[in-house]
Amino acid sequence: MNEDDVRREEFRVTGDAVIAKIKEVLHEGNVRRITIKNEEGNTLIEIPLTIGVVGAILLPVWAAIGAIAALAANLTIVVEKIETTPESAAPPDETPPVSGET
């Protein structure tokens, strides 16, 4: 995977909407990393994610995010998603007709 395969999206949310937005983004899938920044653009927390590492493993992270959200009025969530490209379409199989067919 190279840097071209990663797409970044930014969302500006209020402190009380941070966890809901992160859950929404995780539900969409293909998330590689989530970064939460304050109003000045300083990174408060950066969460690297691997495929399938969601849920109970992230409970301590949810607590940290909740504490950060309680202290901040407006935050920016930067989401890095892995771009999935459909495999190139293969040409249809050309099966020769069976002898005797018309």
N, C-alpha and C. Protein backbone atom coordinates (compact mmCIF):
# COMPACT_ATOMS: atom_id res chain seq x y z
N MET A 1 0.86 -1.17 0.00
CA MET A 1 0.00 0.00 0.00
C MET A 1 0.90 1.23 0.00
N ASN A 2 0.59 2.15 -0.89
CA ASN A 2 1.36 3.40 -0.90
C ASN A 2 0.46 4.55 -0.48
N GLU A 3 1.04 5.72 -0.40
CA GLU A 3 0.32 6.90 0.09
C GLU A 3 -0.85 7.27 -0.81
N ASP A 4 -0.81 6.87 -2.10
CA ASP A 4 -1.91 7.17 -3.02
C ASP A 4 -3.16 6.37 -2.68
N ASP A 5 -3.00 5.27 -1.96
CA ASP A 5 -4.12 4.42 -1.61
C ASP A 5 -4.89 4.93 -0.40
N VAL A 6 -4.43 6.03 0.21
CA VAL A 6 -5.05 6.55 1.42
C VAL A 6 -5.78 7.85 1.12
N ARG A 7 -7.03 7.91 1.56
CA ARG A 7 -7.83 9.12 1.38
C ARG A 7 -8.08 9.72 2.76
N ARG A 8 -7.98 11.03 2.86
CA ARG A 8 -8.21 11.71 4.14
C ARG A 8 -9.50 12.50 4.08
N GLU A 9 -10.28 12.39 5.14
CA GLU A 9 -11.50 13.16 5.28
C GLU A 9 -11.43 13.90 6.60
N GLU A 10 -11.93 15.12 6.64
CA GLU A 10 -11.95 15.89 7.88
C GLU A 10 -13.38 16.25 8.23
N PHE A 11 -13.70 16.12 9.51
CA PHE A 11 -15.02 16.46 10.02
C PHE A 11 -14.85 17.40 11.20
N ARG A 12 -15.58 18.49 11.22
CA ARG A 12 -15.57 19.40 12.37
C ARG A 12 -16.82 19.11 13.19
N VAL A 13 -16.60 18.78 14.45
CA VAL A 13 -17.71 18.41 15.33
C VAL A 13 -17.55 19.09 16.68
N THR A 14 -18.65 19.16 17.40
CA THR A 14 -18.60 19.67 18.77
C THR A 14 -18.13 18.54 19.68
N GLY A 15 -17.67 18.90 20.86
CA GLY A 15 -17.13 17.91 21.79
C GLY A 15 -18.08 16.78 22.11
N ASP A 16 -19.38 17.08 22.23
CA ASP A 16 -20.33 16.03 22.60
C ASP A 16 -20.69 15.10 21.44
N ALA A 17 -20.31 15.43 20.22
CA ALA A 17 -20.64 14.60 19.05
C ALA A 17 -19.46 13.77 18.56
N VAL A 18 -18.32 13.86 19.24
CA VAL A 18 -17.11 13.19 18.76
C VAL A 18 -17.27 11.68 18.70
N ILE A 19 -17.68 11.06 19.78
CA ILE A 19 -17.76 9.60 19.82
C ILE A 19 -18.78 9.09 18.82
N ALA A 20 -19.92 9.76 18.70
CA ALA A 20 -20.93 9.32 17.73
C ALA A 20 -20.38 9.37 16.31
N LYS A 21 -19.64 10.42 15.98
CA LYS A 21 -19.08 10.55 14.63
C LYS A 21 -18.02 9.48 14.38
N ILE A 22 -17.19 9.21 15.37
CA ILE A 22 -16.16 8.18 15.20
C ILE A 22 -16.81 6.81 15.00
N LYS A 23 -17.85 6.51 15.77
CA LYS A 23 -18.54 5.23 15.59
C LYS A 23 -19.14 5.13 14.19
N GLU A 24 -19.70 6.24 13.71
CA GLU A 24 -20.27 6.26 12.36
C GLU A 24 -19.20 5.98 11.31
N VAL A 25 -18.05 6.61 11.45
CA VAL A 25 -16.95 6.43 10.50
C VAL A 25 -16.42 5.00 10.55
N LEU A 26 -16.28 4.44 11.74
CA LEU A 26 -15.80 3.07 11.87
C LEU A 26 -16.77 2.09 11.23
N HIS A 27 -18.06 2.38 11.35
CA HIS A 27 -19.08 1.50 10.77
C HIS A 27 -18.96 1.46 9.24
N GLU A 28 -18.53 2.57 8.64
CA GLU A 28 -18.37 2.63 7.18
C GLU A 28 -17.24 1.73 6.70
N GLY A 29 -16.25 1.49 7.53
CA GLY A 29 -15.17 0.57 7.20
C GLY A 29 -13.99 1.21 6.49
N ASN A 30 -12.95 0.40 6.28
CA ASN A 30 -11.71 0.80 5.59
C ASN A 30 -10.95 1.92 6.29
N VAL A 31 -11.16 2.10 7.59
CA VAL A 31 -10.48 3.16 8.32
C VAL A 31 -9.11 2.67 8.76
N ARG A 32 -8.09 3.46 8.46
CA ARG A 32 -6.71 3.11 8.82
C ARG A 32 -6.24 3.85 10.05
N ARG A 33 -6.65 5.11 10.18
CA ARG A 33 -6.19 5.93 11.29
C ARG A 33 -7.21 7.03 11.54
N ILE A 34 -7.37 7.37 12.82
CA ILE A 34 -8.22 8.50 13.22
C ILE A 34 -7.37 9.44 14.05
N THR A 35 -7.40 10.71 13.71
CA THR A 35 -6.67 11.73 14.45
C THR A 35 -7.67 12.78 14.92
N ILE A 36 -7.57 13.16 16.18
CA ILE A 36 -8.45 14.21 16.71
C ILE A 36 -7.58 15.43 17.01
N LYS A 37 -8.02 16.57 16.46
CA LYS A 37 -7.27 17.82 16.63
C LYS A 37 -8.15 18.85 17.31
N ASN A 38 -7.49 19.79 18.01
CA ASN A 38 -8.23 20.87 18.65
C ASN A 38 -8.46 22.00 17.66
N GLU A 39 -9.05 23.10 18.15
CA GLU A 39 -9.39 24.23 17.28
C GLU A 39 -8.16 24.87 16.63
N GLU A 40 -7.02 24.78 17.28
CA GLU A 40 -5.78 25.35 16.73
C GLU A 40 -5.09 24.42 15.74
N GLY A 41 -5.61 23.22 15.58
CA GLY A 41 -5.01 22.26 14.65
C GLY A 41 -3.97 21.36 15.27
N ASN A 42 -3.80 21.44 16.59
CA ASN A 42 -2.84 20.57 17.29
C ASN A 42 -3.45 19.19 17.49
N THR A 43 -2.66 18.16 17.26
CA THR A 43 -3.13 16.79 17.43
C THR A 43 -3.27 16.47 18.92
N LEU A 44 -4.47 16.01 19.30
CA LEU A 44 -4.72 15.62 20.70
C LEU A 44 -4.53 14.12 20.88
N ILE A 45 -5.01 13.34 19.93
CA ILE A 45 -4.86 11.89 19.99
C ILE A 45 -4.86 11.35 18.57
N GLU A 46 -4.03 10.34 18.36
CA GLU A 46 -3.95 9.68 17.06
C GLU A 46 -4.14 8.19 17.30
N ILE A 47 -5.11 7.61 16.62
CA ILE A 47 -5.47 6.21 16.85
C ILE A 47 -5.23 5.41 15.58
N PRO A 48 -4.16 4.62 15.53
CA PRO A 48 -3.97 3.74 14.37
C PRO A 48 -4.89 2.53 14.51
N LEU A 49 -5.51 2.15 13.42
CA LEU A 49 -6.43 1.01 13.45
C LEU A 49 -5.99 -0.02 12.42
N THR A 50 -6.22 -1.26 12.75
CA THR A 50 -6.01 -2.32 11.78
C THR A 50 -7.36 -2.97 11.53
N ILE A 51 -7.47 -3.65 10.43
CA ILE A 51 -8.75 -4.27 10.07
C ILE A 51 -9.18 -5.23 11.17
N GLY A 52 -10.38 -5.07 11.64
CA GLY A 52 -10.93 -5.96 12.65
C GLY A 52 -10.63 -5.58 14.08
N VAL A 53 -9.84 -4.55 14.32
CA VAL A 53 -9.53 -4.14 15.68
C VAL A 53 -10.46 -3.01 16.08
N VAL A 54 -11.67 -3.38 16.40
CA VAL A 54 -12.66 -2.42 16.82
C VAL A 54 -13.44 -3.08 17.95
N GLY A 55 -14.08 -2.31 18.76
CA GLY A 55 -14.92 -2.88 19.80
C GLY A 55 -14.24 -2.86 21.15
N ALA A 56 -14.21 -4.02 21.81
CA ALA A 56 -13.73 -4.12 23.18
C ALA A 56 -12.27 -3.69 23.32
N ILE A 57 -11.47 -3.92 22.30
CA ILE A 57 -10.05 -3.54 22.37
C ILE A 57 -9.91 -2.03 22.47
N LEU A 58 -10.87 -1.29 21.92
CA LEU A 58 -10.79 0.17 21.91
C LEU A 58 -11.42 0.82 23.14
N LEU A 59 -11.88 0.05 24.12
CA LEU A 59 -12.53 0.65 25.29
C LEU A 59 -11.66 1.70 25.99
N PRO A 60 -10.37 1.45 26.24
CA PRO A 60 -9.56 2.52 26.86
C PRO A 60 -9.46 3.75 25.97
N VAL A 61 -9.44 3.54 24.66
CA VAL A 61 -9.38 4.67 23.73
C VAL A 61 -10.66 5.47 23.79
N TRP A 62 -11.82 4.79 23.89
CA TRP A 62 -13.11 5.50 24.00
C TRP A 62 -13.10 6.40 25.24
N ALA A 63 -12.53 5.90 26.34
CA ALA A 63 -12.48 6.70 27.57
C ALA A 63 -11.62 7.94 27.36
N ALA A 64 -10.49 7.78 26.69
CA ALA A 64 -9.61 8.93 26.41
C ALA A 64 -10.30 9.94 25.51
N ILE A 65 -10.99 9.45 24.49
CA ILE A 65 -11.71 10.34 23.58
C ILE A 65 -12.80 11.09 24.33
N GLY A 66 -13.50 10.39 25.21
CA GLY A 66 -14.55 11.04 26.01
C GLY A 66 -13.99 12.14 26.88
N ALA A 67 -12.82 11.91 27.48
CA ALA A 67 -12.20 12.94 28.32
C ALA A 67 -11.77 14.14 27.49
N ILE A 68 -11.21 13.89 26.32
CA ILE A 68 -10.81 14.99 25.43
C ILE A 68 -12.03 15.78 24.99
N ALA A 69 -13.08 15.07 24.62
CA ALA A 69 -14.29 15.74 24.14
C ALA A 69 -14.92 16.61 25.22
N ALA A 70 -14.82 16.17 26.47
CA ALA A 70 -15.40 16.95 27.56
C ALA A 70 -14.67 18.27 27.77
N LEU A 71 -13.40 18.32 27.39
CA LEU A 71 -12.60 19.52 27.60
C LEU A 71 -12.60 20.48 26.41
N ALA A 72 -13.06 20.03 25.27
CA ALA A 72 -12.99 20.85 24.06
C ALA A 72 -14.38 21.18 23.53
N ALA A 73 -14.52 22.38 23.00
CA ALA A 73 -15.79 22.79 22.42
C ALA A 73 -15.92 22.30 20.98
N ASN A 74 -14.90 22.53 20.19
CA ASN A 74 -14.92 22.14 18.78
C ASN A 74 -13.66 21.35 18.45
N LEU A 75 -13.85 20.24 17.77
CA LEU A 75 -12.73 19.38 17.41
C LEU A 75 -12.80 19.05 15.92
N THR A 76 -11.66 18.66 15.38
CA THR A 76 -11.60 18.18 14.00
C THR A 76 -11.19 16.72 14.05
N ILE A 77 -11.94 15.89 13.37
CA ILE A 77 -11.60 14.47 13.26
C ILE A 77 -11.05 14.26 11.86
N VAL A 78 -9.82 13.76 11.78
CA VAL A 78 -9.21 13.45 10.49
C VAL A 78 -9.23 11.93 10.36
N VAL A 79 -9.86 11.44 9.31
CA VAL A 79 -10.00 10.01 9.09
C VAL A 79 -9.20 9.63 7.86
N GLU A 80 -8.31 8.65 8.02
CA GLU A 80 -7.57 8.11 6.88
C GLU A 80 -8.22 6.80 6.51
N LYS A 81 -8.67 6.71 5.27
CA LYS A 81 -9.31 5.49 4.79
C LYS A 81 -8.46 4.87 3.70
N ILE A 82 -8.49 3.57 3.64
CA ILE A 82 -7.78 2.84 2.60
C ILE A 82 -8.69 2.77 1.38
N GLU A 83 -8.17 3.24 0.26
CA GLU A 83 -8.93 3.19 -0.99
C GLU A 83 -8.88 1.77 -1.53
N THR A 84 -10.04 1.25 -1.85
CA THR A 84 -10.09 -0.06 -2.48
C THR A 84 -10.46 0.14 -3.94
N THR A 85 -9.64 -0.39 -4.82
CA THR A 85 -9.91 -0.26 -6.25
C THR A 85 -10.43 -1.59 -6.77
N PRO A 86 -11.51 -1.55 -7.53
CA PRO A 86 -12.02 -2.81 -8.08
C PRO A 86 -10.99 -3.39 -9.05
N GLU A 87 -10.89 -4.69 -9.02
CA GLU A 87 -9.92 -5.32 -9.91
C GLU A 87 -10.34 -5.07 -11.34
N SER A 88 -9.35 -4.96 -12.19
CA SER A 88 -9.66 -4.67 -13.59
C SER A 88 -10.56 -5.76 -14.15
N ALA A 89 -11.51 -5.32 -14.94
CA ALA A 89 -12.47 -6.26 -15.49
C ALA A 89 -11.77 -7.18 -16.49
N ALA A 90 -11.94 -8.45 -16.28
CA ALA A 90 -11.35 -9.43 -17.17
C ALA A 90 -12.26 -9.59 -18.38
N PRO A 91 -11.70 -9.85 -19.55
CA PRO A 91 -12.56 -10.06 -20.72
C PRO A 91 -13.40 -11.30 -20.52
N PRO A 92 -14.61 -11.30 -21.06
CA PRO A 92 -15.48 -12.47 -20.88
C PRO A 92 -14.84 -13.69 -21.53
N ASP A 93 -15.14 -14.83 -20.93
CA ASP A 93 -14.63 -16.08 -21.50
C ASP A 93 -15.28 -16.30 -22.85
N GLU A 94 -14.46 -16.62 -23.80
CA GLU A 94 -14.99 -16.93 -25.13
C GLU A 94 -14.83 -18.42 -25.33
N THR A 95 -15.92 -19.13 -25.11
CA THR A 95 -15.90 -20.57 -25.26
C THR A 95 -16.29 -20.91 -26.69
N PRO A 96 -15.48 -21.69 -27.38
CA PRO A 96 -15.85 -22.05 -28.76
C PRO A 96 -17.11 -22.90 -28.76
N PRO A 97 -17.94 -22.74 -29.77
CA PRO A 97 -19.18 -23.54 -29.82
C PRO A 97 -18.84 -25.02 -29.96
N VAL A 98 -19.70 -25.83 -29.37
CA VAL A 98 -19.54 -27.28 -29.45
C VAL A 98 -19.96 -27.70 -30.85
N SER A 99 -19.23 -28.63 -31.44
CA SER A 99 -19.58 -29.05 -32.80
C SER A 99 -20.99 -29.62 -32.83
N GLY A 100 -21.71 -29.28 -33.86
CA GLY A 100 -23.09 -29.73 -34.01
C GLY A 100 -24.07 -28.66 -33.58
N GLU A 101 -23.60 -27.58 -32.91
CA GLU A 101 -24.50 -26.49 -32.52
C GLU A 101 -24.66 -25.54 -33.68
N THR A 102 -25.79 -24.92 -33.78
CA THR A 102 -26.01 -23.94 -34.83
C THR A 102 -26.24 -22.58 -34.28
